[in-house]
Amino acid sequence: MSQQYLRQLSLIVADATGNGYDFGTFWCTFTVMRGDHQTPNSLDARIYNMKPETANTISKAEFTTVSLSAGYPSNFGLLFQGSIKQFRSGRVNQQDSYVDITAADGDQAYNYAYISQTVIAGSPTGSIAKQIQSSLAKHSGKQPITQGYQPNFPPSGLVRGRVLYGMTRDEMRDFAWQSNCKCSIQDGALTFIPYVSYVPGGQVPLISVKTGLIGVPEQTQAGINIRVLLNPTLKVGQLIQLDTQSEINKFRFGLDLQSQITNAALAKQIKTNDQGLYYVMIANHSGDTRGQNWYTDLTCLAVDATLANVDPTNALFFTAPATAIKRQGQS
């Protein structure tokens, strides 16, 4: 059991060279939204009672990046890094002023990158992922885009050449669909996660009351919602194990005629797992250095769930590693 007290925070606003300010000792609140979907991850942070001179300095054009790390002395790590999109200042009352920071992870590359590239016949499948990442990196502005986790794409070469043309995000989406993967940008890294697998790592973290579980997990139409004390080691795409002694509040299915059509498929998608193994789709973080809020909120799928809106037979190739768990109803 880790020590879950003595909160720690680092909120760094920096320029392109890495020089900047760390507001970790200030009264700060934050909300980090991140998932395995294409929409860029985001951060909303509020810093209270900053000197006007400092607020004017960091609002200048050269301060372009923000990095947020939080946790506890025994479990402290990165929650978000990205580019600053907006500064806003104001007052809560006559005593407390604030500066709000809104930031996004890889949104400039996602919104503006375009590609015009030919991949010749015989090229390995992974070369398409490389071309997509290179295109995003060329249009990434102040935040570099690197290659993050990706599965072992088939070593066999392309039967035909392929033209990559248009908005890079469209080619990225098409390639991910054809590869039976989900794609996203995580902390500036282009990531591909197979529908039938997860991002491998070390020991699968156990979620229980002793390790920070708050309340009772809830089965919803979007998945299994789990709240824990803020934990930076819980990442999108990884596997977690919910203590099998933990109860899960079940979802109420509709009784109307229209619901009967979708209830069966929905039950397979939001099912619970007997071994407590779940894939993390969403890992949102929120905190207040002077308040009670200090949580990580997860939305998960059972490893043996079946996605109603995904048909793996449409994929051009299958990319699950040999050690993959039989995920999303695969045999």
Foldseek 3Di string as FASTA:
>chain_A
DDDFDDKWKWKFFAFLVRDTDTLGVFWKWKKWWDFLAAPWTKMKMKGKDDPPVNLVVSQDPRRWKIWMWIGHPVFIDTDAIFTWDDWDKDAPDPPMIIIMTMGTHLVQLQPDFWDWDKAAWFAALCVLVVRLLVSSQVRRPSQGAAADDDFPGDRGTHRGMDTGGTRSNVVVVVSLLLAQWGWYGGRRHIYTAHQQFFDDDPDAAEDDVVQFWDDAWEQDLQAIKTKGFAGSVDDARHKHAYPLVGDYHYDDFDDDPVRVVCVVLSCLWHDADNRRIWHWRIWMFIDTPPDDGGMIMTGTTHQQGAHPPRDSVSHNDYGDDPPGDRGNNHD
